[in-house]
Amino acid sequence: MPFLFSLAAMFAIIVGIILFIFSLAYVDDIETLKNAPDLIWAFVCGRPNDANIVVPLVMTLSVLSLVTSAILFAFSRYLKHRDLQRP
């Protein structure tokens, strides 16, 4: 079972990295990259903006994927540790 969680975590890392690379490809200039946290926050809060919605959406999905992978890795390590403690 811990192997499946590790495999899912690796998949989430790969998806997160690929989404982050795609989000960087959509950034037109340094100004957009500088305003990325504000764009993401506006997207999360549901405030529409004049900028393209793709950048904050892809960046948000990338961050969520990387956080999910960290949680899956931690749970996998917990399961391994728990299995080693059993007699």
PDB file of N, CA and C in Angstrom:
ATOM      1  N   MET A   1       0.800  -1.200   0.000  1.00  0.00           N
ATOM      2  CA  MET A   1       0.000   0.000   0.000  1.00  0.00           C
ATOM      3  C   MET A   1       0.851   1.276   0.000  1.00  0.00           C
ATOM      4  N   PRO A   2       1.943   1.344   0.811  1.00  0.00           N
ATOM      5  CA  PRO A   2       2.764   2.554   0.760  1.00  0.00           C
ATOM      6  C   PRO A   2       3.356   2.791  -0.629  1.00  0.00           C
ATOM      7  N   PHE A   3       3.601   1.707  -1.364  1.00  0.00           N
ATOM      8  CA  PHE A   3       4.138   1.867  -2.718  1.00  0.00           C
ATOM      9  C   PHE A   3       3.160   2.627  -3.607  1.00  0.00           C
ATOM     10  N   LEU A   4       1.875   2.330  -3.477  1.00  0.00           N
ATOM     11  CA  LEU A   4       0.877   3.025  -4.290  1.00  0.00           C
ATOM     12  C   LEU A   4       0.803   4.508  -3.942  1.00  0.00           C
ATOM     13  N   PHE A   5       0.939   4.827  -2.651  1.00  0.00           N
ATOM     14  CA  PHE A   5       0.945   6.236  -2.267  1.00  0.00           C
ATOM     15  C   PHE A   5       2.195   6.936  -2.791  1.00  0.00           C
ATOM     16  N   SER A   6       3.333   6.245  -2.768  1.00  0.00           N
ATOM     17  CA  SER A   6       4.559   6.830  -3.326  1.00  0.00           C
ATOM     18  C   SER A   6       4.422   7.030  -4.825  1.00  0.00           C
ATOM     19  N   LEU A   7       3.814   6.079  -5.494  1.00  0.00           N
ATOM     20  CA  LEU A   7       3.598   6.193  -6.936  1.00  0.00           C
ATOM     21  C   LEU A   7       2.657   7.357  -7.254  1.00  0.00           C
ATOM     22  N   ALA A   8       1.596   7.485  -6.482  1.00  0.00           N
ATOM     23  CA  ALA A   8       0.671   8.603  -6.683  1.00  0.00           C
ATOM     24  C   ALA A   8       1.356   9.935  -6.395  1.00  0.00           C
ATOM     25  N   ALA A   9       2.221   9.961  -5.397  1.00  0.00           N
ATOM     26  CA  ALA A   9       2.948  11.192  -5.083  1.00  0.00           C
ATOM     27  C   ALA A   9       3.901  11.562  -6.213  1.00  0.00           C
ATOM     28  N   MET A  10       4.578  10.587  -6.790  1.00  0.00           N
ATOM     29  CA  MET A  10       5.470  10.863  -7.923  1.00  0.00           C
ATOM     30  C   MET A  10       4.668  11.396  -9.109  1.00  0.00           C
ATOM     31  N   PHE A  11       3.506  10.818  -9.352  1.00  0.00           N
ATOM     32  CA  PHE A  11       2.646  11.305 -10.431  1.00  0.00           C
ATOM     33  C   PHE A  11       2.228  12.748 -10.170  1.00  0.00           C
ATOM     34  N   ALA A  12       1.865  13.053  -8.923  1.00  0.00           N
ATOM     35  CA  ALA A  12       1.453  14.417  -8.586  1.00  0.00           C
ATOM     36  C   ALA A  12       2.606  15.400  -8.744  1.00  0.00           C
ATOM     37  N   ILE A  13       3.827  14.976  -8.409  1.00  0.00           N
ATOM     38  CA  ILE A  13       4.989  15.848  -8.596  1.00  0.00           C
ATOM     39  C   ILE A  13       5.203  16.129 -10.070  1.00  0.00           C
ATOM     40  N   ILE A  14       5.140  15.094 -10.887  1.00  0.00           N
ATOM     41  CA  ILE A  14       5.348  15.275 -12.327  1.00  0.00           C
ATOM     42  C   ILE A  14       4.281  16.192 -12.910  1.00  0.00           C
ATOM     43  N   VAL A  15       3.030  15.976 -12.529  1.00  0.00           N
ATOM     44  CA  VAL A  15       1.948  16.837 -13.025  1.00  0.00           C
ATOM     45  C   VAL A  15       2.157  18.273 -12.561  1.00  0.00           C
ATOM     46  N   GLY A  16       2.552  18.452 -11.308  1.00  0.00           N
ATOM     47  CA  GLY A  16       2.792  19.795 -10.787  1.00  0.00           C
ATOM     48  C   GLY A  16       3.909  20.513 -11.518  1.00  0.00           C
ATOM     49  N   ILE A  17       4.988  19.805 -11.800  1.00  0.00           N
ATOM     50  CA  ILE A  17       6.111  20.417 -12.517  1.00  0.00           C
ATOM     51  C   ILE A  17       5.713  20.764 -13.944  1.00  0.00           C
ATOM     52  N   ILE A  18       5.014  19.866 -14.603  1.00  0.00           N
ATOM     53  CA  ILE A  18       4.590  20.133 -15.984  1.00  0.00           C
ATOM     54  C   ILE A  18       3.624  21.317 -16.032  1.00  0.00           C
ATOM     55  N   LEU A  19       2.675  21.366 -15.107  1.00  0.00           N
ATOM     56  CA  LEU A  19       1.750  22.503 -15.070  1.00  0.00           C
ATOM     57  C   LEU A  19       2.481  23.808 -14.783  1.00  0.00           C
ATOM     58  N   PHE A  20       3.494  23.753 -13.915  1.00  0.00           N
ATOM     59  CA  PHE A  20       4.265  24.959 -13.629  1.00  0.00           C
ATOM     60  C   PHE A  20       5.035  25.420 -14.862  1.00  0.00           C
ATOM     61  N   ILE A  21       5.592  24.484 -15.614  1.00  0.00           N
ATOM     62  CA  ILE A  21       6.302  24.838 -16.848  1.00  0.00           C
ATOM     63  C   ILE A  21       5.333  25.446 -17.859  1.00  0.00           C
ATOM     64  N   PHE A  22       4.143  24.864 -17.986  1.00  0.00           N
ATOM     65  CA  PHE A  22       3.140  25.438 -18.887  1.00  0.00           C
ATOM     66  C   PHE A  22       2.720  26.836 -18.437  1.00  0.00           C
ATOM     67  N   SER A  23       2.602  27.038 -17.136  1.00  0.00           N
ATOM     68  CA  SER A  23       2.235  28.377 -16.667  1.00  0.00           C
ATOM     69  C   SER A  23       3.327  29.383 -16.980  1.00  0.00           C
ATOM     70  N   LEU A  24       4.580  28.971 -16.892  1.00  0.00           N
ATOM     71  CA  LEU A  24       5.666  29.876 -17.270  1.00  0.00           C
ATOM     72  C   LEU A  24       5.654  30.160 -18.764  1.00  0.00           C
ATOM     73  N   ALA A  25       5.201  29.199 -19.554  1.00  0.00           N
ATOM     74  CA  ALA A  25       5.122  29.421 -20.997  1.00  0.00           C
ATOM     75  C   ALA A  25       4.027  30.429 -21.338  1.00  0.00           C
ATOM     76  N   TYR A  26       2.991  30.510 -20.515  1.00  0.00           N
ATOM     77  CA  TYR A  26       1.899  31.452 -20.764  1.00  0.00           C
ATOM     78  C   TYR A  26       2.223  32.870 -20.300  1.00  0.00           C
ATOM     79  N   VAL A  27       3.224  32.998 -19.444  1.00  0.00           N
ATOM     80  CA  VAL A  27       3.577  34.326 -18.952  1.00  0.00           C
ATOM     81  C   VAL A  27       4.182  35.115 -20.101  1.00  0.00           C
ATOM     82  N   ASP A  28       3.574  36.258 -20.400  1.00  0.00           N
ATOM     83  CA  ASP A  28       4.020  37.055 -21.540  1.00  0.00           C
ATOM     84  C   ASP A  28       5.207  37.945 -21.206  1.00  0.00           C
ATOM     85  N   ASP A  29       5.265  38.430 -19.989  1.00  0.00           N
ATOM     86  CA  ASP A  29       6.353  39.325 -19.626  1.00  0.00           C
ATOM     87  C   ASP A  29       6.643  39.212 -18.133  1.00  0.00           C
ATOM     88  N   ILE A  30       7.654  39.919 -17.704  1.00  0.00           N
ATOM     89  CA  ILE A  30       8.055  39.877 -16.301  1.00  0.00           C
ATOM     90  C   ILE A  30       6.977  40.490 -15.403  1.00  0.00           C
ATOM     91  N   GLU A  31       6.257  41.464 -15.915  1.00  0.00           N
ATOM     92  CA  GLU A  31       5.197  42.113 -15.129  1.00  0.00           C
ATOM     93  C   GLU A  31       4.110  41.110 -14.739  1.00  0.00           C
ATOM     94  N   THR A  32       3.752  40.227 -15.655  1.00  0.00           N
ATOM     95  CA  THR A  32       2.751  39.199 -15.347  1.00  0.00           C
ATOM     96  C   THR A  32       3.277  38.246 -14.285  1.00  0.00           C
ATOM     97  N   LEU A  33       4.548  37.880 -14.392  1.00  0.00           N
ATOM     98  CA  LEU A  33       5.148  36.985 -13.406  1.00  0.00           C
ATOM     99  C   LEU A  33       5.222  37.664 -12.039  1.00  0.00           C
ATOM    100  N   LYS A  34       5.495  38.961 -12.036  1.00  0.00           N
ATOM    101  CA  LYS A  34       5.561  39.709 -10.781  1.00  0.00           C
ATOM    102  C   LYS A  34       4.186  39.788 -10.123  1.00  0.00           C
ATOM    103  N   ASN A  35       3.139  39.868 -10.926  1.00  0.00           N
ATOM    104  CA  ASN A  35       1.775  39.972 -10.402  1.00  0.00           C
ATOM    105  C   ASN A  35       1.103  38.616 -10.217  1.00  0.00           C
ATOM    106  N   ALA A  36       1.837  37.529 -10.411  1.00  0.00           N
ATOM    107  CA  ALA A  36       1.243  36.189 -10.319  1.00  0.00           C
ATOM    108  C   ALA A  36       0.581  35.919  -8.970  1.00  0.00           C
ATOM    109  N   PRO A  37       1.206  36.255  -7.833  1.00  0.00           N
ATOM    110  CA  PRO A  37       0.502  36.000  -6.561  1.00  0.00           C
ATOM    111  C   PRO A  37      -0.829  36.742  -6.456  1.00  0.00           C
ATOM    112  N   ASP A  38      -0.872  37.982  -6.947  1.00  0.00           N
ATOM    113  CA  ASP A  38      -2.134  38.730  -6.925  1.00  0.00           C
ATOM    114  C   ASP A  38      -3.169  38.102  -7.853  1.00  0.00           C
ATOM    115  N   LEU A  39      -2.720  37.621  -9.017  1.00  0.00           N
ATOM    116  CA  LEU A  39      -3.642  36.966  -9.948  1.00  0.00           C
ATOM    117  C   LEU A  39      -4.212  35.685  -9.348  1.00  0.00           C
ATOM    118  N   ILE A  40      -3.338  34.913  -8.686  1.00  0.00           N
ATOM    119  CA  ILE A  40      -3.792  33.659  -8.068  1.00  0.00           C
ATOM    120  C   ILE A  40      -4.783  33.961  -6.943  1.00  0.00           C
ATOM    121  N   TRP A  41      -4.467  34.968  -6.118  1.00  0.00           N
ATOM    122  CA  TRP A  41      -5.370  35.302  -5.018  1.00  0.00           C
ATOM    123  C   TRP A  41      -6.720  35.785  -5.541  1.00  0.00           C
ATOM    124  N   ALA A  42      -6.696  36.587  -6.594  1.00  0.00           N
ATOM    125  CA  ALA A  42      -7.949  37.056  -7.191  1.00  0.00           C
ATOM    126  C   ALA A  42      -8.743  35.882  -7.757  1.00  0.00           C
ATOM    127  N   PHE A  43      -8.042  34.910  -8.350  1.00  0.00           N
ATOM    128  CA  PHE A  43      -8.711  33.729  -8.891  1.00  0.00           C
ATOM    129  C   PHE A  43      -9.338  32.903  -7.774  1.00  0.00           C
ATOM    130  N   VAL A  44      -8.607  32.716  -6.677  1.00  0.00           N
ATOM    131  CA  VAL A  44      -9.122  31.931  -5.556  1.00  0.00           C
ATOM    132  C   VAL A  44     -10.324  32.625  -4.921  1.00  0.00           C
ATOM    133  N   CYS A  45     -10.270  33.950  -4.825  1.00  0.00           N
ATOM    134  CA  CYS A  45     -11.371  34.712  -4.220  1.00  0.00           C
ATOM    135  C   CYS A  45     -12.555  34.897  -5.163  1.00  0.00           C
ATOM    136  N   GLY A  46     -12.378  34.573  -6.429  1.00  0.00           N
ATOM    137  CA  GLY A  46     -13.472  34.692  -7.381  1.00  0.00           C
ATOM    138  C   GLY A  46     -13.638  36.077  -7.961  1.00  0.00           C
ATOM    139  N   ARG A  47     -12.622  36.916  -7.831  1.00  0.00           N
ATOM    140  CA  ARG A  47     -12.688  38.260  -8.411  1.00  0.00           C
ATOM    141  C   ARG A  47     -12.232  38.194  -9.860  1.00  0.00           C
ATOM    142  N   PRO A  48     -13.063  38.586 -10.778  1.00  0.00           N
ATOM    143  CA  PRO A  48     -12.635  38.560 -12.181  1.00  0.00           C
ATOM    144  C   PRO A  48     -11.605  39.652 -12.445  1.00  0.00           C
ATOM    145  N   ASN A  49     -10.722  39.364 -13.384  1.00  0.00           N
ATOM    146  CA  ASN A  49      -9.731  40.363 -13.770  1.00  0.00           C
ATOM    147  C   ASN A  49      -9.649  40.423 -15.290  1.00  0.00           C
ATOM    148  N   ASP A  50      -8.994  41.457 -15.768  1.00  0.00           N
ATOM    149  CA  ASP A  50      -8.884  41.645 -17.212  1.00  0.00           C
ATOM    150  C   ASP A  50      -7.861  40.709 -17.839  1.00  0.00           C
ATOM    151  N   ALA A  51      -6.959  40.193 -17.037  1.00  0.00           N
ATOM    152  CA  ALA A  51      -5.908  39.319 -17.565  1.00  0.00           C
ATOM    153  C   ALA A  51      -6.488  37.950 -17.916  1.00  0.00           C
ATOM    154  N   ASN A  52      -5.713  37.201 -18.614  1.00  0.00           N
ATOM    155  CA  ASN A  52      -6.111  35.855 -19.010  1.00  0.00           C
ATOM    156  C   ASN A  52      -6.241  34.971 -17.770  1.00  0.00           C
ATOM    157  N   ILE A  53      -7.257  34.153 -17.716  1.00  0.00           N
ATOM    158  CA  ILE A  53      -7.515  33.291 -16.568  1.00  0.00           C
ATOM    159  C   ILE A  53      -6.606  32.061 -16.557  1.00  0.00           C
ATOM    160  N   VAL A  54      -5.949  31.777 -17.660  1.00  0.00           N
ATOM    161  CA  VAL A  54      -5.156  30.554 -17.770  1.00  0.00           C
ATOM    162  C   VAL A  54      -3.979  30.560 -16.803  1.00  0.00           C
ATOM    163  N   VAL A  55      -3.287  31.675 -16.696  1.00  0.00           N
ATOM    164  CA  VAL A  55      -2.090  31.722 -15.852  1.00  0.00           C
ATOM    165  C   VAL A  55      -2.417  31.429 -14.390  1.00  0.00           C
ATOM    166  N   PRO A  56      -3.357  32.126 -13.757  1.00  0.00           N
ATOM    167  CA  PRO A  56      -3.626  31.791 -12.363  1.00  0.00           C
ATOM    168  C   PRO A  56      -4.216  30.401 -12.173  1.00  0.00           C
ATOM    169  N   LEU A  57      -5.015  29.952 -13.117  1.00  0.00           N
ATOM    170  CA  LEU A  57      -5.587  28.616 -13.003  1.00  0.00           C
ATOM    171  C   LEU A  57      -4.507  27.548 -13.045  1.00  0.00           C
ATOM    172  N   VAL A  58      -3.609  27.641 -13.996  1.00  0.00           N
ATOM    173  CA  VAL A  58      -2.561  26.628 -14.128  1.00  0.00           C
ATOM    174  C   VAL A  58      -1.594  26.704 -12.952  1.00  0.00           C
ATOM    175  N   MET A  59      -1.273  27.915 -12.498  1.00  0.00           N
ATOM    176  CA  MET A  59      -0.379  28.038 -11.339  1.00  0.00           C
ATOM    177  C   MET A  59      -1.033  27.480 -10.076  1.00  0.00           C
ATOM    178  N   THR A  60      -2.320  27.727  -9.906  1.00  0.00           N
ATOM    179  CA  THR A  60      -3.026  27.191  -8.746  1.00  0.00           C
ATOM    180  C   THR A  60      -3.066  25.670  -8.790  1.00  0.00           C
ATOM    181  N   LEU A  61      -3.351  25.099  -9.940  1.00  0.00           N
ATOM    182  CA  LEU A  61      -3.359  23.638 -10.070  1.00  0.00           C
ATOM    183  C   LEU A  61      -1.973  23.056  -9.831  1.00  0.00           C
ATOM    184  N   SER A  62      -0.946  23.754 -10.271  1.00  0.00           N
ATOM    185  CA  SER A  62       0.421  23.300 -10.051  1.00  0.00           C
ATOM    186  C   SER A  62       0.748  23.254  -8.563  1.00  0.00           C
ATOM    187  N   VAL A  63       0.406  24.310  -7.857  1.00  0.00           N
ATOM    188  CA  VAL A  63       0.673  24.357  -6.417  1.00  0.00           C
ATOM    189  C   VAL A  63      -0.130  23.285  -5.689  1.00  0.00           C
ATOM    190  N   LEU A  64      -1.389  23.119  -6.052  1.00  0.00           N
ATOM    191  CA  LEU A  64      -2.212  22.080  -5.421  1.00  0.00           C
ATOM    192  C   LEU A  64      -1.648  20.689  -5.674  1.00  0.00           C
ATOM    193  N   SER A  65      -1.145  20.458  -6.868  1.00  0.00           N
ATOM    194  CA  SER A  65      -0.562  19.162  -7.193  1.00  0.00           C
ATOM    195  C   SER A  65       0.695  18.900  -6.371  1.00  0.00           C
ATOM    196  N   LEU A  66       1.527  19.910  -6.210  1.00  0.00           N
ATOM    197  CA  LEU A  66       2.743  19.736  -5.417  1.00  0.00           C
ATOM    198  C   LEU A  66       2.429  19.549  -3.934  1.00  0.00           C
ATOM    199  N   VAL A  67       1.432  20.244  -3.427  1.00  0.00           N
ATOM    200  CA  VAL A  67       1.025  20.053  -2.032  1.00  0.00           C
ATOM    201  C   VAL A  67       0.442  18.656  -1.837  1.00  0.00           C
ATOM    202  N   THR A  68      -0.348  18.204  -2.793  1.00  0.00           N
ATOM    203  CA  THR A  68      -0.904  16.850  -2.729  1.00  0.00           C
ATOM    204  C   THR A  68       0.200  15.807  -2.717  1.00  0.00           C
ATOM    205  N   SER A  69       1.228  16.010  -3.523  1.00  0.00           N
ATOM    206  CA  SER A  69       2.336  15.051  -3.544  1.00  0.00           C
ATOM    207  C   SER A  69       3.053  15.017  -2.203  1.00  0.00           C
ATOM    208  N   ALA A  70       3.218  16.167  -1.567  1.00  0.00           N
ATOM    209  CA  ALA A  70       3.860  16.191  -0.253  1.00  0.00           C
ATOM    210  C   ALA A  70       3.021  15.438   0.778  1.00  0.00           C
ATOM    211  N   ILE A  71       1.711  15.620   0.728  1.00  0.00           N
ATOM    212  CA  ILE A  71       0.826  14.909   1.659  1.00  0.00           C
ATOM    213  C   ILE A  71       0.882  13.408   1.405  1.00  0.00           C
ATOM    214  N   LEU A  72       0.887  13.008   0.141  1.00  0.00           N
ATOM    215  CA  LEU A  72       0.951  11.580  -0.179  1.00  0.00           C
ATOM    216  C   LEU A  72       2.274  10.963   0.256  1.00  0.00           C
ATOM    217  N   PHE A  73       3.384  11.683   0.067  1.00  0.00           N
ATOM    218  CA  PHE A  73       4.673  11.173   0.530  1.00  0.00           C
ATOM    219  C   PHE A  73       4.688  11.019   2.047  1.00  0.00           C
ATOM    220  N   ALA A  74       4.139  11.997   2.753  1.00  0.00           N
ATOM    221  CA  ALA A  74       4.107  11.917   4.211  1.00  0.00           C
ATOM    222  C   ALA A  74       3.243  10.743   4.669  1.00  0.00           C
ATOM    223  N   PHE A  75       2.109  10.543   4.034  1.00  0.00           N
ATOM    224  CA  PHE A  75       1.243   9.424   4.402  1.00  0.00           C
ATOM    225  C   PHE A  75       1.908   8.090   4.081  1.00  0.00           C
ATOM    226  N   SER A  76       2.624   8.030   2.977  1.00  0.00           N
ATOM    227  CA  SER A  76       3.340   6.809   2.613  1.00  0.00           C
ATOM    228  C   SER A  76       4.406   6.477   3.655  1.00  0.00           C
ATOM    229  N   ARG A  77       5.146   7.487   4.088  1.00  0.00           N
ATOM    230  CA  ARG A  77       6.170   7.259   5.117  1.00  0.00           C
ATOM    231  C   ARG A  77       5.522   6.839   6.437  1.00  0.00           C
ATOM    232  N   TYR A  78       4.372   7.426   6.750  1.00  0.00           N
ATOM    233  CA  TYR A  78       3.660   7.038   7.963  1.00  0.00           C
ATOM    234  C   TYR A  78       3.253   5.568   7.894  1.00  0.00           C
ATOM    235  N   LEU A  79       2.734   5.132   6.748  1.00  0.00           N
ATOM    236  CA  LEU A  79       2.330   3.728   6.611  1.00  0.00           C
ATOM    237  C   LEU A  79       3.525   2.791   6.725  1.00  0.00           C
ATOM    238  N   LYS A  80       4.652   3.163   6.122  1.00  0.00           N
ATOM    239  CA  LYS A  80       5.855   2.329   6.234  1.00  0.00           C
ATOM    240  C   LYS A  80       6.310   2.243   7.684  1.00  0.00           C
ATOM    241  N   HIS A  81       6.317   3.378   8.368  1.00  0.00           N
ATOM    242  CA  HIS A  81       6.736   3.404   9.766  1.00  0.00           C
ATOM    243  C   HIS A  81       5.785   2.583  10.631  1.00  0.00           C
ATOM    244  N   ARG A  82       4.501   2.679  10.366  1.00  0.00           N
ATOM    245  CA  ARG A  82       3.507   1.922  11.123  1.00  0.00           C
ATOM    246  C   ARG A  82       3.677   0.424  10.896  1.00  0.00           C
ATOM    247  N   ASP A  83       3.963   0.025   9.646  1.00  0.00           N
ATOM    248  CA  ASP A  83       4.136  -1.394   9.350  1.00  0.00           C
ATOM    249  C   ASP A  83       5.396  -1.954   9.991  1.00  0.00           C
ATOM    250  N   LEU A  84       6.429  -1.137  10.129  1.00  0.00           N
ATOM    251  CA  LEU A  84       7.657  -1.598  10.773  1.00  0.00           C
ATOM    252  C   LEU A  84       7.477  -1.759  12.275  1.00  0.00           C
ATOM    253  N   GLN A  85       6.559  -1.031  12.865  1.00  0.00           N
ATOM    254  CA  GLN A  85       6.324  -1.094  14.309  1.00  0.00           C
ATOM    255  C   GLN A  85       5.505  -2.313  14.711  1.00  0.00           C
ATOM    256  N   ARG A  86       4.805  -2.904  13.768  1.00  0.00           N
ATOM    257  CA  ARG A  86       3.972  -4.073  14.090  1.00  0.00           C
ATOM    258  C   ARG A  86       4.858  -5.289  14.337  1.00  0.00           C
ATOM    259  N   PRO A  87       4.489  -6.091  15.336  1.00  0.00           N
ATOM    260  CA  PRO A  87       5.297  -7.300  15.625  1.00  0.00           C
ATOM    261  C   PRO A  87       5.083  -8.398  14.630  1.00  0.00           C
TER     262      PRO A  87
END
